[in-house]
PDB file of all heavy atoms in Angstrom:
ATOM      1  N   LEU A   1     100.412  91.965  79.773  1.00  0.00           N
ATOM      2  CA  LEU A   1     101.226  92.304  80.942  1.00  0.00           C
ATOM      3  C   LEU A   1     100.432  92.989  82.045  1.00  0.00           C
ATOM      4  O   LEU A   1     100.611  92.696  83.224  1.00  0.00           O
ATOM      5  CB  LEU A   1     102.418  93.170  80.527  1.00  0.00           C
ATOM      6  CG  LEU A   1     103.534  92.421  79.797  1.00  0.00           C
ATOM      7  CD1 LEU A   1     104.625  93.377  79.320  1.00  0.00           C
ATOM      8  CD2 LEU A   1     104.158  91.355  80.700  1.00  0.00           C
ATOM      9  N   LEU A   2      99.536  93.905  81.691  1.00  0.00           N
ATOM     10  CA  LEU A   2      98.734  94.552  82.729  1.00  0.00           C
ATOM     11  C   LEU A   2      97.704  93.595  83.313  1.00  0.00           C
ATOM     12  O   LEU A   2      97.358  93.679  84.488  1.00  0.00           O
ATOM     13  CB  LEU A   2      98.031  95.800  82.181  1.00  0.00           C
ATOM     14  CG  LEU A   2      98.717  97.131  82.508  1.00  0.00           C
ATOM     15  CD1 LEU A   2     100.078  97.200  81.844  1.00  0.00           C
ATOM     16  CD2 LEU A   2      97.853  98.304  82.073  1.00  0.00           C
ATOM     17  N   ASP A   3      97.229  92.686  82.496  1.00  0.00           N
ATOM     18  CA  ASP A   3      96.218  91.731  82.950  1.00  0.00           C
ATOM     19  C   ASP A   3      96.819  90.671  83.874  1.00  0.00           C
ATOM     20  O   ASP A   3      96.244  90.333  84.916  1.00  0.00           O
ATOM     21  CB  ASP A   3      95.584  91.061  81.729  1.00  0.00           C
ATOM     22  CG  ASP A   3      94.272  90.354  82.060  1.00  0.00           C
ATOM     23  OD1 ASP A   3      93.903  90.278  83.248  1.00  0.00           O
ATOM     24  OD2 ASP A   3      93.613  89.867  81.122  1.00  0.00           O
ATOM     25  N   PHE A   4      98.015  90.177  83.514  1.00  0.00           N
ATOM     26  CA  PHE A   4      98.558  89.023  84.226  1.00  0.00           C
ATOM     27  C   PHE A   4      99.865  89.287  84.981  1.00  0.00           C
ATOM     28  O   PHE A   4     100.355  88.391  85.661  1.00  0.00           O
ATOM     29  CB  PHE A   4      98.765  87.861  83.251  1.00  0.00           C
ATOM     30  CG  PHE A   4      97.483  87.186  82.860  1.00  0.00           C
ATOM     31  CD1 PHE A   4      96.739  87.642  81.790  1.00  0.00           C
ATOM     32  CD2 PHE A   4      97.003  86.105  83.584  1.00  0.00           C
ATOM     33  CE1 PHE A   4      95.543  87.029  81.441  1.00  0.00           C
ATOM     34  CE2 PHE A   4      95.813  85.480  83.245  1.00  0.00           C
ATOM     35  CZ  PHE A   4      95.071  85.948  82.166  1.00  0.00           C
ATOM     36  N   VAL A   5     100.438  90.473  84.868  1.00  0.00           N
ATOM     37  CA  VAL A   5     101.689  90.764  85.579  1.00  0.00           C
ATOM     38  C   VAL A   5     101.572  92.045  86.401  1.00  0.00           C
ATOM     39  O   VAL A   5     101.715  92.030  87.633  1.00  0.00           O
ATOM     40  CB  VAL A   5     102.881  90.863  84.593  1.00  0.00           C
ATOM     41  CG1 VAL A   5     104.165  91.191  85.361  1.00  0.00           C
ATOM     42  CG2 VAL A   5     103.054  89.558  83.822  1.00  0.00           C
ATOM     43  N   TYR A   6     101.305  93.149  85.744  1.00  0.00           N
ATOM     44  CA  TYR A   6     101.313  94.444  86.421  1.00  0.00           C
ATOM     45  C   TYR A   6      99.891  94.890  86.768  1.00  0.00           C
ATOM     46  O   TYR A   6      99.381  95.899  86.262  1.00  0.00           O
ATOM     47  CB  TYR A   6     102.018  95.480  85.554  1.00  0.00           C
ATOM     48  CG  TYR A   6     103.475  95.163  85.304  1.00  0.00           C
ATOM     49  CD1 TYR A   6     103.972  95.037  84.009  1.00  0.00           C
ATOM     50  CD2 TYR A   6     104.348  94.972  86.371  1.00  0.00           C
ATOM     51  CE1 TYR A   6     105.315  94.745  83.786  1.00  0.00           C
ATOM     52  CE2 TYR A   6     105.686  94.677  86.163  1.00  0.00           C
ATOM     53  CZ  TYR A   6     106.164  94.556  84.865  1.00  0.00           C
ATOM     54  OH  TYR A   6     107.486  94.256  84.650  1.00  0.00           O
ATOM     55  N   VAL A   7      99.266  94.148  87.652  1.00  0.00           N
ATOM     56  CA  VAL A   7      97.883  94.436  88.046  1.00  0.00           C
ATOM     57  C   VAL A   7      97.787  95.782  88.766  1.00  0.00           C
ATOM     58  O   VAL A   7      96.822  96.538  88.577  1.00  0.00           O
ATOM     59  CB  VAL A   7      97.342  93.298  88.934  1.00  0.00           C
ATOM     60  CG1 VAL A   7      95.935  93.625  89.441  1.00  0.00           C
ATOM     61  CG2 VAL A   7      97.331  91.986  88.151  1.00  0.00           C
ATOM     62  N   ASP A   8      98.792  96.116  89.580  1.00  0.00           N
ATOM     63  CA  ASP A   8      98.765  97.398  90.299  1.00  0.00           C
ATOM     64  C   ASP A   8      98.810  98.586  89.337  1.00  0.00           C
ATOM     65  O   ASP A   8      98.203  99.631  89.607  1.00  0.00           O
ATOM     66  CB  ASP A   8      99.934  97.478  91.281  1.00  0.00           C
ATOM     67  CG  ASP A   8      99.736  96.579  92.498  1.00  0.00           C
ATOM     68  OD1 ASP A   8      98.588  96.170  92.742  1.00  0.00           O
ATOM     69  OD2 ASP A   8     100.734  96.274  93.186  1.00  0.00           O
ATOM     70  N   THR A   9      99.531  98.417  88.243  1.00  0.00           N
ATOM     71  CA  THR A   9      99.565  99.484  87.235  1.00  0.00           C
ATOM     72  C   THR A   9      98.174  99.689  86.649  1.00  0.00           C
ATOM     73  O   THR A   9      97.722 100.826  86.451  1.00  0.00           O
ATOM     74  CB  THR A   9     100.567  99.143  86.111  1.00  0.00           C
ATOM     75  OG1 THR A   9     101.861  98.973  86.672  1.00  0.00           O
ATOM     76  CG2 THR A   9     100.609 100.247  85.069  1.00  0.00           C
ATOM     77  N   ALA A  10      97.495  98.589  86.371  1.00  0.00           N
ATOM     78  CA  ALA A  10      96.138  98.683  85.835  1.00  0.00           C
ATOM     79  C   ALA A  10      95.208  99.388  86.820  1.00  0.00           C
ATOM     80  O   ALA A  10      94.369 100.215  86.431  1.00  0.00           O
ATOM     81  CB  ALA A  10      95.613  97.282  85.522  1.00  0.00           C
ATOM     82  N   LYS A  11      95.363  99.093  88.110  1.00  0.00           N
ATOM     83  CA  LYS A  11      94.540  99.754  89.130  1.00  0.00           C
ATOM     84  C   LYS A  11      94.782 101.264  89.133  1.00  0.00           C
ATOM     85  O   LYS A  11      93.850 102.067  89.297  1.00  0.00           O
ATOM     86  CB  LYS A  11      94.857  99.181  90.508  1.00  0.00           C
ATOM     87  CG  LYS A  11      94.364  97.758  90.732  1.00  0.00           C
ATOM     88  CD  LYS A  11      94.757  97.287  92.132  1.00  0.00           C
ATOM     89  CE  LYS A  11      94.312  95.870  92.404  1.00  0.00           C
ATOM     90  NZ  LYS A  11      94.732  95.396  93.748  1.00  0.00           N
ATOM     91  N   SER A  12      96.057 101.658  88.946  1.00  0.00           N
ATOM     92  CA  SER A  12      96.367 103.094  88.938  1.00  0.00           C
ATOM     93  C   SER A  12      95.703 103.787  87.749  1.00  0.00           C
ATOM     94  O   SER A  12      95.244 104.930  87.865  1.00  0.00           O
ATOM     95  CB  SER A  12      97.884 103.311  88.916  1.00  0.00           C
ATOM     96  OG  SER A  12      98.434 103.028  87.642  1.00  0.00           O
ATOM     97  N   LEU A  13      95.648 103.108  86.619  1.00  0.00           N
ATOM     98  CA  LEU A  13      94.971 103.672  85.442  1.00  0.00           C
ATOM     99  C   LEU A  13      93.504 103.949  85.750  1.00  0.00           C
ATOM    100  O   LEU A  13      92.965 105.013  85.424  1.00  0.00           O
ATOM    101  CB  LEU A  13      95.049 102.691  84.266  1.00  0.00           C
ATOM    102  CG  LEU A  13      96.391 102.451  83.597  1.00  0.00           C
ATOM    103  CD1 LEU A  13      96.291 101.272  82.645  1.00  0.00           C
ATOM    104  CD2 LEU A  13      96.835 103.682  82.831  1.00  0.00           C
ATOM    105  N   ILE A  14      92.881 102.963  86.367  1.00  0.00           N
ATOM    106  CA  ILE A  14      91.452 103.080  86.680  1.00  0.00           C
ATOM    107  C   ILE A  14      91.212 104.257  87.620  1.00  0.00           C
ATOM    108  O   ILE A  14      90.316 105.082  87.400  1.00  0.00           O
ATOM    109  CB  ILE A  14      90.943 101.760  87.296  1.00  0.00           C
ATOM    110  CG1 ILE A  14      91.052 100.636  86.266  1.00  0.00           C
ATOM    111  CG2 ILE A  14      89.499 101.908  87.790  1.00  0.00           C
ATOM    112  CD1 ILE A  14      90.935  99.243  86.849  1.00  0.00           C
ATOM    113  N   LYS A  15      92.029 104.351  88.673  1.00  0.00           N
ATOM    114  CA  LYS A  15      91.853 105.426  89.656  1.00  0.00           C
ATOM    115  C   LYS A  15      92.103 106.802  89.036  1.00  0.00           C
ATOM    116  O   LYS A  15      91.396 107.774  89.337  1.00  0.00           O
ATOM    117  CB  LYS A  15      92.789 105.208  90.849  1.00  0.00           C
ATOM    118  CG  LYS A  15      92.456 103.976  91.681  1.00  0.00           C
ATOM    119  CD  LYS A  15      91.053 104.066  92.273  1.00  0.00           C
ATOM    120  CE  LYS A  15      90.739 102.885  93.174  1.00  0.00           C
ATOM    121  NZ  LYS A  15      89.339 102.954  93.703  1.00  0.00           N
ATOM    122  N   ASN A  16      93.093 106.888  88.195  1.00  0.00           N
ATOM    123  CA  ASN A  16      93.378 108.169  87.536  1.00  0.00           C
ATOM    124  C   ASN A  16      92.220 108.595  86.635  1.00  0.00           C
ATOM    125  O   ASN A  16      91.833 109.767  86.619  1.00  0.00           O
ATOM    126  CB  ASN A  16      94.666 108.064  86.719  1.00  0.00           C
ATOM    127  CG  ASN A  16      95.915 108.197  87.563  1.00  0.00           C
ATOM    128  OD1 ASN A  16      95.956 108.969  88.511  1.00  0.00           O
ATOM    129  ND2 ASN A  16      96.949 107.436  87.233  1.00  0.00           N
ATOM    130  N   MET A  17      91.677 107.654  85.875  1.00  0.00           N
ATOM    131  CA  MET A  17      90.566 107.995  84.981  1.00  0.00           C
ATOM    132  C   MET A  17      89.320 108.348  85.783  1.00  0.00           C
ATOM    133  O   MET A  17      88.569 109.262  85.414  1.00  0.00           O
ATOM    134  CB  MET A  17      90.286 106.837  84.026  1.00  0.00           C
ATOM    135  CG  MET A  17      91.390 106.560  83.017  1.00  0.00           C
ATOM    136  SD  MET A  17      91.889 108.019  82.048  1.00  0.00           S
ATOM    137  CE  MET A  17      90.366 108.407  81.182  1.00  0.00           C
ATOM    138  N   ASN A  18      89.092 107.635  86.880  1.00  0.00           N
ATOM    139  CA  ASN A  18      87.968 107.977  87.756  1.00  0.00           C
ATOM    140  C   ASN A  18      88.092 109.410  88.262  1.00  0.00           C
ATOM    141  O   ASN A  18      87.096 110.140  88.373  1.00  0.00           O
ATOM    142  CB  ASN A  18      87.908 107.032  88.956  1.00  0.00           C
ATOM    143  CG  ASN A  18      87.541 105.601  88.605  1.00  0.00           C
ATOM    144  OD1 ASN A  18      87.719 104.688  89.412  1.00  0.00           O
ATOM    145  ND2 ASN A  18      87.029 105.358  87.402  1.00  0.00           N
ATOM    146  N   SER A  19      89.321 109.822  88.582  1.00  0.00           N
ATOM    147  CA  SER A  19      89.540 111.147  89.182  1.00  0.00           C
ATOM    148  C   SER A  19      89.208 112.288  88.234  1.00  0.00           C
ATOM    149  O   SER A  19      88.998 113.417  88.680  1.00  0.00           O
ATOM    150  CB  SER A  19      90.986 111.270  89.663  1.00  0.00           C
ATOM    151  OG  SER A  19      91.883 111.422  88.563  1.00  0.00           O
ATOM    152  N   ILE A  20      89.175 112.002  86.936  1.00  0.00           N
ATOM    153  CA  ILE A  20      88.843 113.068  85.967  1.00  0.00           C
ATOM    154  C   ILE A  20      87.475 112.824  85.320  1.00  0.00           C
ATOM    155  O   ILE A  20      87.160 113.377  84.264  1.00  0.00           O
ATOM    156  CB  ILE A  20      89.929 113.207  84.877  1.00  0.00           C
ATOM    157  CG1 ILE A  20      90.158 111.887  84.129  1.00  0.00           C
ATOM    158  CG2 ILE A  20      91.230 113.711  85.485  1.00  0.00           C
ATOM    159  CD1 ILE A  20      91.074 112.024  82.918  1.00  0.00           C
ATOM    160  N   GLY A  21      86.662 111.945  85.968  1.00  0.00           N
ATOM    161  CA  GLY A  21      85.270 111.812  85.563  1.00  0.00           C
ATOM    162  C   GLY A  21      84.955 110.700  84.587  1.00  0.00           C
ATOM    163  O   GLY A  21      83.904 110.750  83.931  1.00  0.00           O
ATOM    164  N   TYR A  22      85.805 109.701  84.478  1.00  0.00           N
ATOM    165  CA  TYR A  22      85.539 108.601  83.537  1.00  0.00           C
ATOM    166  C   TYR A  22      85.449 107.269  84.276  1.00  0.00           C
ATOM    167  O   TYR A  22      86.325 106.911  85.066  1.00  0.00           O
ATOM    168  CB  TYR A  22      86.630 108.522  82.472  1.00  0.00           C
ATOM    169  CG  TYR A  22      86.503 109.597  81.430  1.00  0.00           C
ATOM    170  CD1 TYR A  22      87.084 110.851  81.642  1.00  0.00           C
ATOM    171  CD2 TYR A  22      85.779 109.386  80.263  1.00  0.00           C
ATOM    172  CE1 TYR A  22      86.952 111.860  80.702  1.00  0.00           C
ATOM    173  CE2 TYR A  22      85.633 110.390  79.313  1.00  0.00           C
ATOM    174  CZ  TYR A  22      86.226 111.627  79.539  1.00  0.00           C
ATOM    175  OH  TYR A  22      86.078 112.632  78.611  1.00  0.00           O
ATOM    176  N   LYS A  23      84.361 106.563  84.003  1.00  0.00           N
ATOM    177  CA  LYS A  23      84.218 105.208  84.514  1.00  0.00           C
ATOM    178  C   LYS A  23      84.954 104.263  83.575  1.00  0.00           C
ATOM    179  O   LYS A  23      84.981 104.478  82.364  1.00  0.00           O
ATOM    180  CB  LYS A  23      82.747 104.812  84.592  1.00  0.00           C
ATOM    181  CG  LYS A  23      82.537 103.434  85.191  1.00  0.00           C
ATOM    182  CD  LYS A  23      81.066 103.039  85.193  1.00  0.00           C
ATOM    183  CE  LYS A  23      80.915 101.630  85.758  1.00  0.00           C
ATOM    184  NZ  LYS A  23      79.510 101.157  85.696  1.00  0.00           N
ATOM    185  N   VAL A  24      85.570 103.228  84.129  1.00  0.00           N
ATOM    186  CA  VAL A  24      86.349 102.281  83.339  1.00  0.00           C
ATOM    187  C   VAL A  24      85.666 100.916  83.355  1.00  0.00           C
ATOM    188  O   VAL A  24      85.282 100.415  84.420  1.00  0.00           O
ATOM    189  CB  VAL A  24      87.788 102.141  83.888  1.00  0.00           C
ATOM    190  CG1 VAL A  24      88.591 101.156  83.032  1.00  0.00           C
ATOM    191  CG2 VAL A  24      88.476 103.504  83.932  1.00  0.00           C
ATOM    192  N   GLU A  25      85.518 100.326  82.174  1.00  0.00           N
ATOM    193  CA  GLU A  25      84.999  98.969  82.064  1.00  0.00           C
ATOM    194  C   GLU A  25      86.079  98.064  81.484  1.00  0.00           C
ATOM    195  O   GLU A  25      87.001  98.529  80.797  1.00  0.00           O
ATOM    196  CB  GLU A  25      83.736  98.935  81.191  1.00  0.00           C
ATOM    197  CG  GLU A  25      82.562  99.661  81.829  1.00  0.00           C
ATOM    198  CD  GLU A  25      81.263  99.494  81.048  1.00  0.00           C
ATOM    199  OE1 GLU A  25      81.259  98.743  80.040  1.00  0.00           O
ATOM    200  OE2 GLU A  25      80.255 100.120  81.439  1.00  0.00           O
ATOM    201  N   PHE A  26      85.924  96.768  81.743  1.00  0.00           N
ATOM    202  CA  PHE A  26      86.922  95.791  81.293  1.00  0.00           C
ATOM    203  C   PHE A  26      86.222  94.666  80.530  1.00  0.00           C
ATOM    204  O   PHE A  26      85.707  93.719  81.138  1.00  0.00           O
ATOM    205  CB  PHE A  26      87.680  95.219  82.493  1.00  0.00           C
ATOM    206  CG  PHE A  26      88.827  94.304  82.116  1.00  0.00           C
ATOM    207  CD1 PHE A  26      90.083  94.814  81.836  1.00  0.00           C
ATOM    208  CD2 PHE A  26      88.640  92.932  82.030  1.00  0.00           C
ATOM    209  CE1 PHE A  26      91.132  93.975  81.492  1.00  0.00           C
ATOM    210  CE2 PHE A  26      89.676  92.084  81.684  1.00  0.00           C
ATOM    211  CZ  PHE A  26      90.933  92.603  81.409  1.00  0.00           C
ATOM    212  N   PRO A  27      86.168  94.743  79.205  1.00  0.00           N
ATOM    213  CA  PRO A  27      85.545  93.672  78.412  1.00  0.00           C
ATOM    214  C   PRO A  27      86.304  92.362  78.599  1.00  0.00           C
ATOM    215  O   PRO A  27      87.488  92.265  78.265  1.00  0.00           O
ATOM    216  CB  PRO A  27      85.656  94.190  76.974  1.00  0.00           C
ATOM    217  CG  PRO A  27      85.762  95.682  77.113  1.00  0.00           C
ATOM    218  CD  PRO A  27      86.555  95.883  78.362  1.00  0.00           C
ATOM    219  N   MET A  28      85.646  91.359  79.127  1.00  0.00           N
ATOM    220  CA  MET A  28      86.317  90.120  79.517  1.00  0.00           C
ATOM    221  C   MET A  28      86.768  89.264  78.335  1.00  0.00           C
ATOM    222  O   MET A  28      87.616  88.390  78.485  1.00  0.00           O
ATOM    223  CB  MET A  28      85.392  89.291  80.421  1.00  0.00           C
ATOM    224  CG  MET A  28      85.194  89.899  81.789  1.00  0.00           C
ATOM    225  SD  MET A  28      86.736  89.956  82.733  1.00  0.00           S
ATOM    226  CE  MET A  28      86.227  90.921  84.163  1.00  0.00           C
ATOM    227  N   GLY A  29      86.229  89.497  77.176  1.00  0.00           N
ATOM    228  CA  GLY A  29      86.598  88.670  76.023  1.00  0.00           C
ATOM    229  C   GLY A  29      87.896  89.077  75.352  1.00  0.00           C
ATOM    230  O   GLY A  29      88.352  88.413  74.407  1.00  0.00           O
ATOM    231  N   GLN A  30      88.523  90.127  75.846  1.00  0.00           N
ATOM    232  CA  GLN A  30      89.755  90.608  75.217  1.00  0.00           C
ATOM    233  C   GLN A  30      90.890  89.610  75.381  1.00  0.00           C
ATOM    234  O   GLN A  30      90.976  88.895  76.376  1.00  0.00           O
ATOM    235  CB  GLN A  30      90.161  91.972  75.766  1.00  0.00           C
ATOM    236  CG  GLN A  30      90.481  92.002  77.234  1.00  0.00           C
ATOM    237  CD  GLN A  30      90.821  93.409  77.721  1.00  0.00           C
ATOM    238  OE1 GLN A  30      91.977  93.833  77.661  1.00  0.00           O
ATOM    239  NE2 GLN A  30      89.811  94.131  78.213  1.00  0.00           N
ATOM    240  N   ALA A  31      91.763  89.569  74.375  1.00  0.00           N
ATOM    241  CA  ALA A  31      92.890  88.626  74.351  1.00  0.00           C
ATOM    242  C   ALA A  31      94.173  89.386  74.060  1.00  0.00           C
ATOM    243  O   ALA A  31      94.185  90.624  74.040  1.00  0.00           O
ATOM    244  CB  ALA A  31      92.642  87.555  73.301  1.00  0.00           C
ATOM    245  N   CYS A  32      95.243  88.657  73.805  1.00  0.00           N
ATOM    246  CA  CYS A  32      96.503  89.286  73.386  1.00  0.00           C
ATOM    247  C   CYS A  32      96.237  90.169  72.177  1.00  0.00           C
ATOM    248  O   CYS A  32      95.458  89.809  71.284  1.00  0.00           O
ATOM    249  CB  CYS A  32      97.529  88.199  73.046  1.00  0.00           C
ATOM    250  SG  CYS A  32      99.053  88.834  72.302  1.00  0.00           S
ATOM    251  N   CYS A  33      96.877  91.319  72.117  1.00  0.00           N
ATOM    252  CA  CYS A  33      96.625  92.267  71.024  1.00  0.00           C
ATOM    253  C   CYS A  33      97.058  91.742  69.662  1.00  0.00           C
ATOM    254  O   CYS A  33      96.584  92.214  68.630  1.00  0.00           O
ATOM    255  CB  CYS A  33      97.320  93.594  71.303  1.00  0.00           C
ATOM    256  SG  CYS A  33      99.137  93.503  71.229  1.00  0.00           S
ATOM    257  N   GLY A  34      97.971  90.781  69.649  1.00  0.00           N
ATOM    258  CA  GLY A  34      98.467  90.239  68.382  1.00  0.00           C
ATOM    259  C   GLY A  34      99.819  90.783  67.984  1.00  0.00           C
ATOM    260  O   GLY A  34     100.365  90.404  66.950  1.00  0.00           O
TER     261      GLY A  34
END
């Protein structure tokens, strides 16, 4: 859902984590959690 529907929510996560000193990476091989 964050990958293909709620992209803005994902962006907010990244910005929030950046604000407290954490860089965010996105492993491209990830799939549905199952």
